[in-house]
Amino acid sequence: MAARALLETIAMLNSSIEGFQARSAAYEEANRQLHARNEALHQDQVRSLLKPVFERLASLHAQASEMSSGHHANDSEVADDFTFFATAIEELLELYDIVSVGACAGDAVNARQHAVVRVKVTDRPELDGVVARVQRQGFAYSGAGRTMLPARVIAHRYVERAVHANNQSVAESRDPSTEQSATSTSSAE
């Protein structure tokens, strides 16, 4: 009888220990989830506070890249300096897990990564929706599904040749230089 009571007490203790272990594991999992959520919120807060800095760095990157390509033909040393500066900015952004979206002329326009700021009309249908020029490189958080700062691009838009010619003649008729030359021709007569 005493042995039976002892076995029941041991079984009850085992049951209590198993219940405690299950609750402890649940508490640990809840603690891990709260910690992960806290880290995510902290990262979002830091990113939102630093976003204006990242935007300014992206603008400086665009200016350095533009100056590098502008000086490449004239002075390769100056171009190399600007290229170094642009690379240093990219490396600085990578310290915050921000990577370039890699926009370049000839790519298809991707609304998630590119912001079309201007359209360049073309009569070639294969160029419709293709990036003609990158004004500013875009940047995204590494591994994120969204782009932090879309690339500013000029995109081709296909317009049929007849419509393109009509638009060209309308634009020329509105051109002040052609109006001025027409006025000077009529006044000379």
C-alpha atoms as a PDB file:
ATOM      1  CA  MET A   1       0.000   0.000   0.000  1.00  0.00           C
ATOM      2  CA  ALA A   2       2.785   2.385   0.838  1.00  0.00           C
ATOM      3  CA  ALA A   3       4.488   1.415  -2.403  1.00  0.00           C
ATOM      4  CA  ARG A   4       1.332   2.180  -4.350  1.00  0.00           C
ATOM      5  CA  ALA A   5       1.013   5.609  -2.701  1.00  0.00           C
ATOM      6  CA  LEU A   6       4.680   6.238  -3.425  1.00  0.00           C
ATOM      7  CA  LEU A   7       4.214   5.284  -7.109  1.00  0.00           C
ATOM      8  CA  GLU A   8       1.152   7.557  -7.369  1.00  0.00           C
ATOM      9  CA  THR A   9       3.119  10.416  -5.819  1.00  0.00           C
ATOM     10  CA  ILE A  10       6.010   9.823  -8.241  1.00  0.00           C
ATOM     11  CA  ALA A  11       3.589   9.723 -11.210  1.00  0.00           C
ATOM     12  CA  MET A  12       1.961  12.941 -10.000  1.00  0.00           C
ATOM     13  CA  LEU A  13       5.392  14.578  -9.658  1.00  0.00           C
ATOM     14  CA  ASN A  14       6.365  13.391 -13.172  1.00  0.00           C
ATOM     15  CA  SER A  15       3.121  14.819 -14.533  1.00  0.00           C
ATOM     16  CA  SER A  16       3.763  18.125 -12.767  1.00  0.00           C
ATOM     17  CA  ILE A  17       7.339  18.236 -14.089  1.00  0.00           C
ATOM     18  CA  GLU A  18       6.170  17.507 -17.655  1.00  0.00           C
ATOM     19  CA  GLY A  19       3.533  20.252 -17.363  1.00  0.00           C
ATOM     20  CA  PHE A  20       6.153  22.660 -16.049  1.00  0.00           C
ATOM     21  CA  GLN A  21       8.514  21.783 -18.915  1.00  0.00           C
ATOM     22  CA  ALA A  22       5.733  22.335 -21.486  1.00  0.00           C
ATOM     23  CA  ARG A  23       4.810  25.701 -19.965  1.00  0.00           C
ATOM     24  CA  SER A  24       8.484  26.655 -19.745  1.00  0.00           C
ATOM     25  CA  ALA A  25       9.015  25.783 -23.436  1.00  0.00           C
ATOM     26  CA  ALA A  26       5.922  27.829 -24.370  1.00  0.00           C
ATOM     27  CA  TYR A  27       7.205  30.793 -22.353  1.00  0.00           C
ATOM     28  CA  GLU A  28      10.634  30.525 -23.991  1.00  0.00           C
ATOM     29  CA  GLU A  29       9.046  30.458 -27.459  1.00  0.00           C
ATOM     30  CA  ALA A  30       6.892  33.492 -26.614  1.00  0.00           C
ATOM     31  CA  ASN A  31      10.003  35.255 -25.321  1.00  0.00           C
ATOM     32  CA  ARG A  32      11.890  34.461 -28.575  1.00  0.00           C
ATOM     33  CA  GLN A  33       8.987  35.789 -30.661  1.00  0.00           C
ATOM     34  CA  LEU A  34       8.777  38.986 -28.605  1.00  0.00           C
ATOM     35  CA  HIS A  35      12.527  39.475 -28.900  1.00  0.00           C
ATOM     36  CA  ALA A  36      12.426  38.975 -32.693  1.00  0.00           C
ATOM     37  CA  ARG A  37       9.520  41.411 -32.993  1.00  0.00           C
ATOM     38  CA  ASN A  38      11.348  43.944 -30.817  1.00  0.00           C
ATOM     39  CA  GLU A  39      14.442  43.679 -33.039  1.00  0.00           C
ATOM     40  CA  ALA A  40      12.332  44.118 -36.189  1.00  0.00           C
ATOM     41  CA  LEU A  41      10.637  47.204 -34.752  1.00  0.00           C
ATOM     42  CA  HIS A  42      13.998  48.607 -33.688  1.00  0.00           C
ATOM     43  CA  GLN A  43      15.422  48.050 -37.187  1.00  0.00           C
ATOM     44  CA  ASP A  44      12.382  49.718 -38.773  1.00  0.00           C
ATOM     45  CA  GLN A  45      12.728  52.677 -36.426  1.00  0.00           C
ATOM     46  CA  VAL A  46      16.432  53.093 -37.179  1.00  0.00           C
ATOM     47  CA  ARG A  47      15.769  52.784 -40.912  1.00  0.00           C
ATOM     48  CA  SER A  48      12.983  55.354 -40.834  1.00  0.00           C
ATOM     49  CA  LEU A  49      15.144  57.763 -38.840  1.00  0.00           C
ATOM     50  CA  LEU A  50      18.061  57.335 -41.240  1.00  0.00           C
ATOM     51  CA  LYS A  51      16.022  57.321 -44.469  1.00  0.00           C
ATOM     52  CA  PRO A  52      16.684  61.037 -45.196  1.00  0.00           C
ATOM     53  CA  VAL A  53      20.416  60.356 -44.799  1.00  0.00           C
ATOM     54  CA  PHE A  54      20.172  57.364 -47.145  1.00  0.00           C
ATOM     55  CA  GLU A  55      18.270  59.470 -49.691  1.00  0.00           C
ATOM     56  CA  ARG A  56      20.932  62.172 -49.590  1.00  0.00           C
ATOM     57  CA  LEU A  57      23.674  59.570 -49.982  1.00  0.00           C
ATOM     58  CA  ALA A  58      21.808  58.147 -52.987  1.00  0.00           C
ATOM     59  CA  SER A  59      21.683  61.631 -54.526  1.00  0.00           C
ATOM     60  CA  LEU A  60      25.412  62.102 -53.904  1.00  0.00           C
ATOM     61  CA  HIS A  61      25.994  58.698 -55.492  1.00  0.00           C
ATOM     62  CA  ALA A  62      24.067  59.809 -58.588  1.00  0.00           C
ATOM     63  CA  GLN A  63      26.017  63.058 -58.808  1.00  0.00           C
ATOM     64  CA  ALA A  64      29.352  61.278 -58.410  1.00  0.00           C
ATOM     65  CA  SER A  65      28.418  58.726 -61.078  1.00  0.00           C
ATOM     66  CA  GLU A  66      27.289  61.474 -63.445  1.00  0.00           C
ATOM     67  CA  MET A  67      30.458  63.498 -62.869  1.00  0.00           C
ATOM     68  CA  SER A  68      32.560  60.381 -63.391  1.00  0.00           C
ATOM     69  CA  SER A  69      30.989  59.663 -66.762  1.00  0.00           C
ATOM     70  CA  GLY A  70      31.153  63.357 -67.702  1.00  0.00           C
ATOM     71  CA  HIS A  71      34.886  63.625 -66.998  1.00  0.00           C
ATOM     72  CA  HIS A  72      35.856  60.205 -68.325  1.00  0.00           C
ATOM     73  CA  ALA A  73      36.715  61.474 -71.820  1.00  0.00           C
ATOM     74  CA  ASN A  74      38.503  64.635 -70.659  1.00  0.00           C
ATOM     75  CA  ASP A  75      40.322  63.742 -67.460  1.00  0.00           C
ATOM     76  CA  SER A  76      40.518  60.104 -66.415  1.00  0.00           C
ATOM     77  CA  GLU A  77      42.055  60.970 -63.015  1.00  0.00           C
ATOM     78  CA  VAL A  78      39.078  63.121 -62.075  1.00  0.00           C
ATOM     79  CA  ALA A  79      36.726  60.436 -63.389  1.00  0.00           C
ATOM     80  CA  ASP A  80      38.516  57.833 -61.252  1.00  0.00           C
ATOM     81  CA  ASP A  81      38.128  60.046 -58.186  1.00  0.00           C
ATOM     82  CA  PHE A  82      34.388  60.372 -58.745  1.00  0.00           C
ATOM     83  CA  THR A  83      34.099  56.625 -59.378  1.00  0.00           C
ATOM     84  CA  PHE A  84      35.929  55.979 -56.107  1.00  0.00           C
ATOM     85  CA  PHE A  85      33.553  58.350 -54.309  1.00  0.00           C
ATOM     86  CA  ALA A  86      30.487  56.585 -55.773  1.00  0.00           C
ATOM     87  CA  THR A  87      31.904  53.193 -54.781  1.00  0.00           C
ATOM     88  CA  ALA A  88      32.613  54.455 -51.254  1.00  0.00           C
ATOM     89  CA  ILE A  89      28.984  55.577 -50.955  1.00  0.00           C
ATOM     90  CA  GLU A  90      27.762  52.141 -52.066  1.00  0.00           C
ATOM     91  CA  GLU A  91      30.035  50.494 -49.488  1.00  0.00           C
ATOM     92  CA  LEU A  92      28.741  52.832 -46.783  1.00  0.00           C
ATOM     93  CA  LEU A  93      25.145  51.943 -47.634  1.00  0.00           C
ATOM     94  CA  GLU A  94      26.034  48.233 -47.603  1.00  0.00           C
ATOM     95  CA  LEU A  95      27.046  48.637 -43.946  1.00  0.00           C
ATOM     96  CA  TYR A  96      23.327  49.237 -43.294  1.00  0.00           C
ATOM     97  CA  ASP A  97      22.295  46.274 -45.505  1.00  0.00           C
ATOM     98  CA  ILE A  98      21.279  48.582 -48.335  1.00  0.00           C
ATOM     99  CA  VAL A  99      22.162  47.409 -51.835  1.00  0.00           C
ATOM    100  CA  SER A 100      21.804  48.930 -55.278  1.00  0.00           C
ATOM    101  CA  VAL A 101      18.886  47.709 -57.397  1.00  0.00           C
ATOM    102  CA  GLY A 102      21.315  47.695 -60.328  1.00  0.00           C
ATOM    103  CA  ALA A 103      19.222  49.735 -62.737  1.00  0.00           C
ATOM    104  CA  CYS A 104      20.886  50.312 -66.093  1.00  0.00           C
ATOM    105  CA  ALA A 105      19.963  51.378 -69.590  1.00  0.00           C
ATOM    106  CA  GLY A 106      18.505  48.518 -71.608  1.00  0.00           C
ATOM    107  CA  ASP A 107      16.688  46.888 -68.678  1.00  0.00           C
ATOM    108  CA  ALA A 108      12.941  46.436 -68.761  1.00  0.00           C
ATOM    109  CA  VAL A 109      11.119  48.959 -66.571  1.00  0.00           C
ATOM    110  CA  ASN A 110      10.131  47.337 -63.280  1.00  0.00           C
ATOM    111  CA  ALA A 111       7.558  49.356 -61.336  1.00  0.00           C
ATOM    112  CA  ARG A 112       8.795  47.879 -58.048  1.00  0.00           C
ATOM    113  CA  GLN A 113      12.357  49.123 -58.612  1.00  0.00           C
ATOM    114  CA  HIS A 114      12.063  52.055 -61.028  1.00  0.00           C
ATOM    115  CA  ALA A 115      10.298  55.404 -60.931  1.00  0.00           C
ATOM    116  CA  VAL A 116       9.867  56.713 -64.471  1.00  0.00           C
ATOM    117  CA  VAL A 117      10.491  60.461 -64.333  1.00  0.00           C
ATOM    118  CA  ARG A 118      10.437  61.132 -68.057  1.00  0.00           C
ATOM    119  CA  VAL A 119       9.445  59.349 -71.246  1.00  0.00           C
ATOM    120  CA  LYS A 120      11.502  59.214 -74.418  1.00  0.00           C
ATOM    121  CA  VAL A 121       9.330  58.579 -77.484  1.00  0.00           C
ATOM    122  CA  THR A 122      10.613  55.953 -79.913  1.00  0.00           C
ATOM    123  CA  ASP A 123       9.335  54.468 -83.152  1.00  0.00           C
ATOM    124  CA  ARG A 124      10.935  51.088 -82.354  1.00  0.00           C
ATOM    125  CA  PRO A 125       8.385  48.755 -80.703  1.00  0.00           C
ATOM    126  CA  GLU A 126      11.083  46.551 -79.133  1.00  0.00           C
ATOM    127  CA  LEU A 127      12.208  49.512 -76.997  1.00  0.00           C
ATOM    128  CA  ASP A 128       8.758  50.090 -75.468  1.00  0.00           C
ATOM    129  CA  GLY A 129       9.068  49.865 -71.684  1.00  0.00           C
ATOM    130  CA  VAL A 130      12.877  49.768 -71.715  1.00  0.00           C
ATOM    131  CA  VAL A 131      15.068  52.034 -69.593  1.00  0.00           C
ATOM    132  CA  ALA A 132      16.757  54.648 -71.798  1.00  0.00           C
ATOM    133  CA  ARG A 133      18.811  56.312 -69.043  1.00  0.00           C
ATOM    134  CA  VAL A 134      19.238  56.091 -65.275  1.00  0.00           C
ATOM    135  CA  GLN A 135      19.162  59.478 -63.537  1.00  0.00           C
ATOM    136  CA  ARG A 136      19.684  58.095 -60.036  1.00  0.00           C
ATOM    137  CA  GLN A 137      20.401  54.549 -58.952  1.00  0.00           C
ATOM    138  CA  GLY A 138      17.839  52.916 -56.691  1.00  0.00           C
ATOM    139  CA  PHE A 139      18.534  51.174 -53.406  1.00  0.00           C
ATOM    140  CA  ALA A 140      16.768  48.448 -51.430  1.00  0.00           C
ATOM    141  CA  TYR A 141      17.235  46.780 -48.078  1.00  0.00           C
ATOM    142  CA  SER A 142      19.084  43.506 -48.526  1.00  0.00           C
ATOM    143  CA  GLY A 143      16.617  40.631 -48.610  1.00  0.00           C
ATOM    144  CA  ALA A 144      13.590  42.926 -48.446  1.00  0.00           C
ATOM    145  CA  GLY A 145      10.722  42.546 -50.859  1.00  0.00           C
ATOM    146  CA  ARG A 146      10.345  46.274 -51.378  1.00  0.00           C
ATOM    147  CA  THR A 147      12.621  48.980 -52.708  1.00  0.00           C
ATOM    148  CA  MET A 148      13.597  51.691 -50.244  1.00  0.00           C
ATOM    149  CA  LEU A 149      14.488  54.235 -52.911  1.00  0.00           C
ATOM    150  CA  PRO A 150      13.409  53.463 -56.488  1.00  0.00           C
ATOM    151  CA  ALA A 151      15.804  54.230 -59.313  1.00  0.00           C
ATOM    152  CA  ARG A 152      14.843  57.378 -61.240  1.00  0.00           C
ATOM    153  CA  VAL A 153      14.804  56.431 -64.910  1.00  0.00           C
ATOM    154  CA  ILE A 154      13.917  57.768 -68.330  1.00  0.00           C
ATOM    155  CA  ALA A 155      11.973  55.103 -70.220  1.00  0.00           C
ATOM    156  CA  HIS A 156      11.267  54.508 -73.889  1.00  0.00           C
ATOM    157  CA  ARG A 157       7.645  54.579 -75.040  1.00  0.00           C
ATOM    158  CA  TYR A 158       6.701  53.246 -78.450  1.00  0.00           C
ATOM    159  CA  VAL A 159       4.672  55.550 -80.679  1.00  0.00           C
ATOM    160  CA  GLU A 160       3.933  54.689 -84.298  1.00  0.00           C
ATOM    161  CA  ARG A 161       6.052  56.510 -86.861  1.00  0.00           C
ATOM    162  CA  ALA A 162       3.137  58.552 -88.326  1.00  0.00           C
ATOM    163  CA  VAL A 163       2.030  59.674 -84.867  1.00  0.00           C
ATOM    164  CA  HIS A 164       5.670  60.274 -83.913  1.00  0.00           C
ATOM    165  CA  ALA A 165       6.172  62.461 -87.017  1.00  0.00           C
ATOM    166  CA  ASN A 166       2.994  64.435 -86.236  1.00  0.00           C
ATOM    167  CA  ASN A 167       4.148  64.983 -82.655  1.00  0.00           C
ATOM    168  CA  GLN A 168       7.558  66.070 -83.938  1.00  0.00           C
ATOM    169  CA  SER A 169       6.036  68.602 -86.360  1.00  0.00           C
ATOM    170  CA  VAL A 170       3.746  69.943 -83.614  1.00  0.00           C
ATOM    171  CA  ALA A 171       6.744  70.304 -81.302  1.00  0.00           C
ATOM    172  CA  GLU A 172       8.733  72.049 -84.033  1.00  0.00           C
ATOM    173  CA  SER A 173       5.869  74.447 -84.749  1.00  0.00           C
ATOM    174  CA  ARG A 174       5.868  75.395 -81.053  1.00  0.00           C
ATOM    175  CA  ASP A 175       9.646  75.783 -80.962  1.00  0.00           C
ATOM    176  CA  PRO A 176      10.470  79.466 -80.298  1.00  0.00           C
ATOM    177  CA  SER A 177      13.620  79.287 -82.422  1.00  0.00           C
ATOM    178  CA  THR A 178      11.617  78.290 -85.516  1.00  0.00           C
ATOM    179  CA  GLU A 179       9.015  80.978 -84.780  1.00  0.00           C
ATOM    180  CA  GLN A 180      11.752  83.584 -84.440  1.00  0.00           C
ATOM    181  CA  SER A 181      13.425  82.548 -87.693  1.00  0.00           C
ATOM    182  CA  ALA A 182      10.051  82.624 -89.463  1.00  0.00           C
ATOM    183  CA  THR A 183       9.407  86.117 -88.087  1.00  0.00           C
ATOM    184  CA  SER A 184      12.843  87.372 -89.115  1.00  0.00           C
ATOM    185  CA  THR A 185      12.362  85.911 -92.608  1.00  0.00           C
ATOM    186  CA  SER A 186       9.023  87.687 -93.066  1.00  0.00           C
ATOM    187  CA  SER A 187      10.423  90.972 -91.731  1.00  0.00           C
ATOM    188  CA  ALA A 188      13.391  90.738 -94.109  1.00  0.00           C
ATOM    189  CA  GLU A 189      11.030  90.585 -97.077  1.00  0.00           C
END
